[in-house]
Amino acid sequence: MKEITFLKQNASRWEEYEKKIGTPTDLSPAELTEMFIEITDDLSFAKTHYNNTRTSTYLNGIASRIHQLVYKNKKEKGNRLISFFVAELPLMYRLYHLQLFYSFFVTAAAAFLGVVSQLNDESFARLILGDYYVDSTIERIRHGDPLGIYGEGNQFFMFVQITLNNIRVSFVAFVYGFFTSFGTALFLVYNGIMLGCFFTLFYQYNLLPSAFKVVWIHGTLEISAIIIAGSAGFILGNSFIFPGTHTRMESLMRRGKDGTKIIIGLVPVFICAGFLESFVTRYTHMPLITSLLIIGVSMAFILFYFIAWPIYLTRKKDALRI
């Protein structure tokens, strides 16, 4: 890329940064961090392609000023965790809502495929879920406790095992992004087919309402978090395919950091999902209103924190710029 093109594409953004750091009291730690990442990426690109030019000198000056502000704000470190979850993460989620939609769409389409496949071939569940799971589920159905598996085993060890497994699954969805977005898409397709096949199996035994009211107690958070982890995988995969003005390696590192933050931010969600599955879902005969209340609160949280709140924060941030 020619230097003049690089300037035209980014000059207005750099001017905006200069205006902002002129009144640093109006900037949150999250905004400073985001600006510092952006400007250092630009500086790295400029030093690689236009070293010892006015452009690299200019960017180095801005980067130094922002770095000083970041350093001065280190005294707020005690509130860093709160700032991370209340502002920094939601603002990042807003940047990647399109990838989140892709992840949801792929999972939903795959779930539909799982439903159709199981309806047309009852042995399909054995291929996807395994003979042992299908046989044990059928045996529980015959004994009148189709979802009794959630009441088996020690609750604490079940909680630890489920939570660690869910976190592992989210990292797998993310890491598959190294094989481009198609890697993560294949992972989501498999999980979506498994989900659709699972519920269809219960439908074929006239137990779909029972399965829904029990499984979604923890599944609302768990499945939503896996879909969000899938969006992190798409972010990683797209960084290599569509690097923009950066080199592929720079783009990969930058988007990789964002994706890693998203996965880290999901850990509390997986802990909550693991707690519900281990300590609450086992009460398969709880009143319907209680089950619906837990599912409703879980869904409201997902929609608020990952969609509505990021949109609100972004609009508020944009309004302050005007």
Protein backbone atom coordinates (compact mmCIF):
# COMPACT_ATOMS: atom_id res chain seq x y z
CA MET A 1 0.00 0.00 0.00
CA LYS A 2 1.29 3.46 -0.91
CA GLU A 3 1.89 5.86 1.96
CA ILE A 4 -0.61 8.40 0.59
CA THR A 5 -3.32 5.71 0.54
CA PHE A 6 -2.49 4.71 4.10
CA LEU A 7 -2.82 8.36 5.16
CA LYS A 8 -6.15 8.87 3.41
CA GLN A 9 -7.63 5.77 5.03
CA ASN A 10 -6.61 6.63 8.58
CA ALA A 11 -5.95 10.39 8.91
CA SER A 12 -9.44 11.26 10.14
CA ARG A 13 -9.24 8.59 12.85
CA TRP A 14 -5.84 9.87 14.04
CA GLU A 15 -7.17 13.42 14.21
CA GLU A 16 -10.05 12.13 16.31
CA TYR A 17 -7.57 10.48 18.67
CA GLU A 18 -5.68 13.76 19.06
CA LYS A 19 -8.90 15.55 19.99
CA LYS A 20 -9.73 12.88 22.56
CA ILE A 21 -6.37 12.87 24.29
CA GLY A 22 -6.65 16.65 24.48
CA THR A 23 -9.40 16.10 27.08
CA PRO A 24 -8.31 12.82 28.73
CA THR A 25 -10.70 13.16 31.67
CA ASP A 26 -13.56 12.27 29.31
CA LEU A 27 -11.95 8.95 28.39
CA SER A 28 -12.58 5.65 30.14
CA PRO A 29 -9.77 3.11 30.67
CA ALA A 30 -11.42 0.87 28.06
CA GLU A 31 -11.39 3.66 25.46
CA LEU A 32 -7.74 4.44 26.18
CA THR A 33 -6.83 0.78 25.83
CA GLU A 34 -8.70 0.47 22.54
CA MET A 35 -7.03 3.63 21.18
CA PHE A 36 -3.59 2.44 22.26
CA ILE A 37 -4.04 -0.92 20.53
CA GLU A 38 -5.25 0.76 17.33
CA ILE A 39 -2.48 3.36 17.18
CA THR A 40 0.31 0.88 17.98
CA ASP A 41 -0.97 -1.37 15.20
CA ASP A 42 -0.83 1.58 12.81
CA LEU A 43 2.61 2.56 14.08
CA SER A 44 3.90 -0.98 13.56
CA PHE A 45 2.58 -0.97 10.02
CA ALA A 46 4.12 2.44 9.31
CA LYS A 47 7.52 1.44 10.69
CA THR A 48 7.47 -1.68 8.54
CA HIS A 49 6.55 0.06 5.29
CA TYR A 50 7.37 3.77 5.75
CA ASN A 51 10.13 3.85 8.35
CA ASN A 52 11.89 7.17 9.04
CA THR A 53 9.08 9.17 7.44
CA ARG A 54 6.89 11.93 8.86
CA THR A 55 4.03 9.42 9.11
CA SER A 56 5.89 7.07 11.45
CA THR A 57 7.18 10.02 13.51
CA TYR A 58 3.68 11.46 13.79
CA LEU A 59 2.17 8.13 14.88
CA ASN A 60 4.96 7.56 17.37
CA GLY A 61 4.11 10.90 18.99
CA ILE A 62 0.43 10.02 19.35
CA ALA A 63 1.27 6.55 20.67
CA SER A 64 3.59 8.05 23.29
CA ARG A 65 0.94 10.47 24.52
CA ILE A 66 -1.68 7.72 24.79
CA HIS A 67 0.81 5.44 26.55
CA GLN A 68 1.40 8.13 29.17
CA LEU A 69 -2.34 8.38 29.78
CA VAL A 70 -2.65 4.59 30.09
CA TYR A 71 0.23 4.56 32.56
CA LYS A 72 -1.34 7.35 34.62
CA ASN A 73 -4.56 5.37 34.81
CA LYS A 74 -2.83 2.36 36.37
CA LYS A 75 -3.84 3.67 39.79
CA GLU A 76 -7.38 2.58 38.84
CA LYS A 77 -6.20 -1.02 38.68
CA GLY A 78 -8.48 -1.98 41.56
CA ASN A 79 -11.48 -1.33 39.31
CA ARG A 80 -9.92 -2.96 36.26
CA LEU A 81 -11.96 -6.16 36.57
CA ILE A 82 -15.21 -4.23 36.86
CA SER A 83 -14.29 -2.00 33.92
CA PHE A 84 -13.39 -5.07 31.86
CA PHE A 85 -16.78 -6.73 32.30
CA VAL A 86 -18.97 -3.62 32.42
CA ALA A 87 -17.47 -1.61 29.54
CA GLU A 88 -14.48 -3.09 27.71
CA LEU A 89 -15.99 -6.48 26.87
CA PRO A 90 -19.46 -5.20 25.86
CA LEU A 91 -17.89 -2.57 23.56
CA MET A 92 -15.85 -5.33 21.96
CA TYR A 93 -18.94 -7.54 21.56
CA ARG A 94 -20.60 -4.73 19.59
CA LEU A 95 -17.72 -4.74 17.11
CA TYR A 96 -18.36 -8.39 16.36
CA HIS A 97 -22.15 -8.72 16.37
CA LEU A 98 -22.03 -9.76 12.72
CA GLN A 99 -19.76 -12.71 13.57
CA LEU A 100 -22.14 -13.56 16.43
CA PHE A 101 -25.02 -13.66 13.94
CA TYR A 102 -23.02 -15.97 11.66
CA SER A 103 -22.32 -18.29 14.59
CA PHE A 104 -25.99 -18.36 15.60
CA PHE A 105 -27.15 -18.94 12.02
CA VAL A 106 -24.74 -21.84 11.44
CA THR A 107 -25.74 -23.49 14.73
CA ALA A 108 -29.48 -23.03 14.07
CA ALA A 109 -29.21 -24.36 10.51
CA ALA A 110 -27.23 -27.37 11.73
CA ALA A 111 -29.78 -28.03 14.49
CA PHE A 112 -32.53 -28.04 11.86
CA LEU A 113 -30.46 -30.50 9.83
CA GLY A 114 -30.19 -32.71 12.92
CA VAL A 115 -33.96 -32.62 13.39
CA VAL A 116 -34.69 -33.57 9.77
CA SER A 117 -32.05 -36.32 9.78
CA GLN A 118 -33.39 -37.94 12.97
CA LEU A 119 -36.99 -37.73 11.77
CA ASN A 120 -36.06 -39.55 8.57
CA ASP A 121 -33.75 -42.11 10.17
CA GLU A 122 -34.18 -43.12 13.82
CA SER A 123 -30.74 -44.72 13.86
CA PHE A 124 -29.15 -41.32 13.13
CA ALA A 125 -29.04 -40.54 16.88
CA ARG A 126 -26.74 -43.51 17.40
CA LEU A 127 -24.31 -42.11 14.85
CA ILE A 128 -24.25 -38.66 16.49
CA LEU A 129 -24.88 -39.35 20.19
CA GLY A 130 -23.44 -42.86 20.42
CA ASP A 131 -25.05 -46.24 21.15
CA TYR A 132 -24.41 -46.07 24.89
CA TYR A 133 -26.16 -42.72 25.34
CA VAL A 134 -29.16 -43.71 23.20
CA ASP A 135 -29.56 -47.12 24.88
CA SER A 136 -29.27 -45.66 28.40
CA THR A 137 -31.76 -42.90 27.54
CA ILE A 138 -34.28 -45.42 26.18
CA GLU A 139 -33.81 -47.52 29.32
CA ARG A 140 -34.54 -44.49 31.52
CA ILE A 141 -37.63 -43.70 29.46
CA ARG A 142 -38.92 -47.22 30.08
CA HIS A 143 -38.40 -46.73 33.81
CA GLY A 144 -40.27 -43.40 33.76
CA ASP A 145 -37.25 -41.16 34.40
CA PRO A 146 -36.00 -40.10 30.92
CA LEU A 147 -33.78 -37.28 32.21
CA GLY A 148 -32.54 -39.07 35.30
CA ILE A 149 -28.95 -38.79 34.10
CA TYR A 150 -28.85 -35.26 35.53
CA GLY A 151 -29.51 -36.63 39.03
CA GLU A 152 -26.70 -39.15 38.97
CA GLY A 153 -23.27 -38.66 40.49
CA ASN A 154 -21.80 -36.34 43.10
CA GLN A 155 -23.02 -32.78 42.59
CA PHE A 156 -19.71 -31.02 43.28
CA PHE A 157 -17.59 -33.29 41.08
CA MET A 158 -20.25 -33.05 38.39
CA PHE A 159 -20.08 -29.25 38.60
CA VAL A 160 -16.28 -29.19 38.23
CA GLN A 161 -16.28 -31.70 35.37
CA ILE A 162 -19.08 -30.01 33.42
CA THR A 163 -17.65 -26.49 33.86
CA LEU A 164 -14.15 -27.51 32.76
CA ASN A 165 -15.54 -29.41 29.79
CA ASN A 166 -17.65 -26.45 28.67
CA ILE A 167 -14.66 -24.11 28.93
CA ARG A 168 -12.62 -26.63 26.91
CA VAL A 169 -15.34 -26.74 24.24
CA SER A 170 -15.34 -22.94 23.96
CA PHE A 171 -11.56 -22.88 23.50
CA VAL A 172 -11.84 -25.59 20.83
CA ALA A 173 -14.44 -23.51 18.96
CA PHE A 174 -12.04 -20.55 19.12
CA VAL A 175 -8.86 -22.45 18.22
CA TYR A 176 -10.56 -24.01 15.18
CA GLY A 177 -10.44 -20.49 13.79
CA PHE A 178 -6.77 -21.12 13.04
CA PHE A 179 -8.06 -23.31 10.23
CA THR A 180 -9.92 -20.21 8.93
CA SER A 181 -13.59 -19.63 9.62
CA PHE A 182 -14.47 -22.96 8.01
CA GLY A 183 -12.83 -24.78 10.92
CA THR A 184 -15.08 -23.08 13.48
CA ALA A 185 -18.09 -23.48 11.18
CA LEU A 186 -17.56 -27.26 11.02
CA PHE A 187 -17.32 -27.39 14.80
CA LEU A 188 -20.60 -25.46 15.15
CA VAL A 189 -22.28 -27.65 12.55
CA TYR A 190 -21.44 -30.79 14.51
CA ASN A 191 -22.69 -29.31 17.79
CA GLY A 192 -25.84 -27.96 16.13
CA ILE A 193 -26.66 -31.36 14.55
CA MET A 194 -26.13 -33.01 17.93
CA LEU A 195 -28.49 -30.50 19.57
CA GLY A 196 -31.25 -30.98 16.99
CA CYS A 197 -30.86 -34.76 17.07
CA PHE A 198 -31.02 -34.82 20.89
CA PHE A 199 -34.36 -33.02 21.16
CA THR A 200 -35.85 -34.91 18.21
CA LEU A 201 -35.07 -38.20 19.98
CA PHE A 202 -37.21 -37.06 22.91
CA TYR A 203 -39.90 -35.84 20.51
CA GLN A 204 -40.13 -39.33 19.03
CA TYR A 205 -40.90 -40.65 22.50
CA ASN A 206 -43.48 -37.88 23.17
CA LEU A 207 -41.22 -36.28 25.78
CA LEU A 208 -40.23 -33.04 24.05
CA PRO A 209 -41.95 -30.67 26.56
CA SER A 210 -40.23 -32.43 29.47
CA ALA A 211 -36.86 -32.28 27.74
CA PHE A 212 -37.25 -28.59 26.97
CA LYS A 213 -38.21 -27.53 30.48
CA VAL A 214 -35.38 -29.52 32.06
CA VAL A 215 -32.46 -29.25 29.63
CA TRP A 216 -32.82 -25.54 28.89
CA ILE A 217 -32.45 -24.72 32.59
CA HIS A 218 -28.70 -24.94 32.03
CA GLY A 219 -28.74 -25.17 28.24
CA THR A 220 -29.81 -21.55 27.75
CA LEU A 221 -26.50 -20.29 29.13
CA GLU A 222 -24.41 -23.22 27.91
CA ILE A 223 -25.54 -23.25 24.27
CA SER A 224 -25.54 -19.45 24.05
CA ALA A 225 -21.97 -19.34 25.38
CA ILE A 226 -20.83 -21.93 22.83
CA ILE A 227 -22.38 -19.85 20.04
CA ILE A 228 -20.57 -16.76 21.36
CA ALA A 229 -17.33 -18.78 21.51
CA GLY A 230 -18.01 -19.67 17.87
CA SER A 231 -18.09 -15.96 17.03
CA ALA A 232 -14.60 -15.67 18.58
CA GLY A 233 -13.50 -18.45 16.23
CA PHE A 234 -14.92 -16.56 13.26
CA ILE A 235 -13.06 -13.43 14.39
CA LEU A 236 -9.81 -15.39 14.44
CA GLY A 237 -10.51 -17.07 11.09
CA ASN A 238 -11.52 -13.87 9.33
CA SER A 239 -8.41 -12.07 10.58
CA PHE A 240 -6.28 -14.23 8.33
CA ILE A 241 -8.61 -14.17 5.32
CA PHE A 242 -9.42 -10.44 5.52
CA PRO A 243 -6.39 -8.68 7.12
CA GLY A 244 -7.42 -5.18 5.91
CA THR A 245 -4.61 -2.63 6.05
CA HIS A 246 -2.48 -4.86 8.30
CA THR A 247 -0.24 -7.77 7.47
CA ARG A 248 -1.85 -11.18 7.98
CA MET A 249 0.30 -11.84 11.03
CA GLU A 250 -0.52 -8.45 12.59
CA SER A 251 -4.22 -8.97 11.91
CA LEU A 252 -4.08 -12.49 13.36
CA MET A 253 -2.41 -11.28 16.57
CA ARG A 254 -4.77 -8.35 16.98
CA ARG A 255 -7.99 -10.29 16.39
CA GLY A 256 -6.59 -13.21 18.35
CA LYS A 257 -6.36 -10.97 21.42
CA ASP A 258 -9.98 -9.89 20.96
CA GLY A 259 -11.12 -13.48 20.57
CA THR A 260 -9.19 -14.54 23.67
CA LYS A 261 -10.85 -11.79 25.70
CA ILE A 262 -14.26 -13.00 24.54
CA ILE A 263 -13.47 -16.56 25.63
CA ILE A 264 -12.18 -15.36 29.01
CA GLY A 265 -15.34 -13.29 29.42
CA LEU A 266 -17.44 -16.45 28.94
CA VAL A 267 -15.88 -18.28 31.89
CA PRO A 268 -18.40 -16.86 34.45
CA VAL A 269 -21.25 -17.87 32.12
CA PHE A 270 -19.95 -21.44 31.93
CA ILE A 271 -19.55 -21.53 35.71
CA CYS A 272 -23.20 -20.50 36.12
CA ALA A 273 -24.30 -23.05 33.50
CA GLY A 274 -22.29 -25.78 35.24
CA PHE A 275 -23.83 -24.85 38.60
CA LEU A 276 -27.36 -25.01 37.18
CA GLU A 277 -26.73 -28.35 35.46
CA SER A 278 -25.19 -29.93 38.56
CA PHE A 279 -27.35 -28.52 41.35
CA VAL A 280 -30.67 -27.49 39.74
CA THR A 281 -31.36 -29.45 36.54
CA ARG A 282 -31.31 -32.71 38.53
CA TYR A 283 -34.72 -31.73 39.99
CA THR A 284 -36.48 -32.89 36.84
CA HIS A 285 -39.94 -32.72 38.42
CA MET A 286 -39.73 -29.11 39.60
CA PRO A 287 -42.81 -26.92 38.91
CA LEU A 288 -43.04 -25.67 35.33
CA ILE A 289 -43.20 -22.03 36.47
CA THR A 290 -39.86 -22.41 38.30
CA SER A 291 -38.21 -23.93 35.25
CA LEU A 292 -39.58 -21.23 32.94
CA LEU A 293 -38.45 -18.51 35.36
CA ILE A 294 -34.85 -19.79 35.35
CA ILE A 295 -34.85 -20.15 31.56
CA GLY A 296 -36.39 -16.67 31.13
CA VAL A 297 -33.86 -14.98 33.42
CA SER A 298 -30.98 -16.75 31.67
CA MET A 299 -32.20 -15.73 28.22
CA ALA A 300 -32.82 -12.15 29.37
CA PHE A 301 -29.24 -11.96 30.65
CA ILE A 302 -27.78 -13.26 27.37
CA LEU A 303 -29.82 -10.82 25.26
CA PHE A 304 -29.07 -7.89 27.55
CA TYR A 305 -25.35 -8.36 28.21
CA PHE A 306 -24.24 -9.58 24.81
CA ILE A 307 -26.57 -7.62 22.53
CA ALA A 308 -28.58 -4.77 24.12
CA TRP A 309 -25.94 -3.43 26.54
CA PRO A 310 -23.13 -3.32 23.92
CA ILE A 311 -25.42 -1.43 21.52
CA TYR A 312 -26.37 1.04 24.26
CA LEU A 313 -22.75 1.65 25.31
CA THR A 314 -21.66 2.18 21.70
CA ARG A 315 -24.45 4.67 21.01
CA LYS A 316 -23.63 6.51 24.23
CA LYS A 317 -19.96 6.59 23.29
CA ASP A 318 -20.75 7.90 19.80
CA ALA A 319 -23.08 10.56 21.21
CA LEU A 320 -20.29 11.90 23.43
CA ARG A 321 -18.10 12.37 20.35
CA ILE A 322 -20.57 14.70 18.67
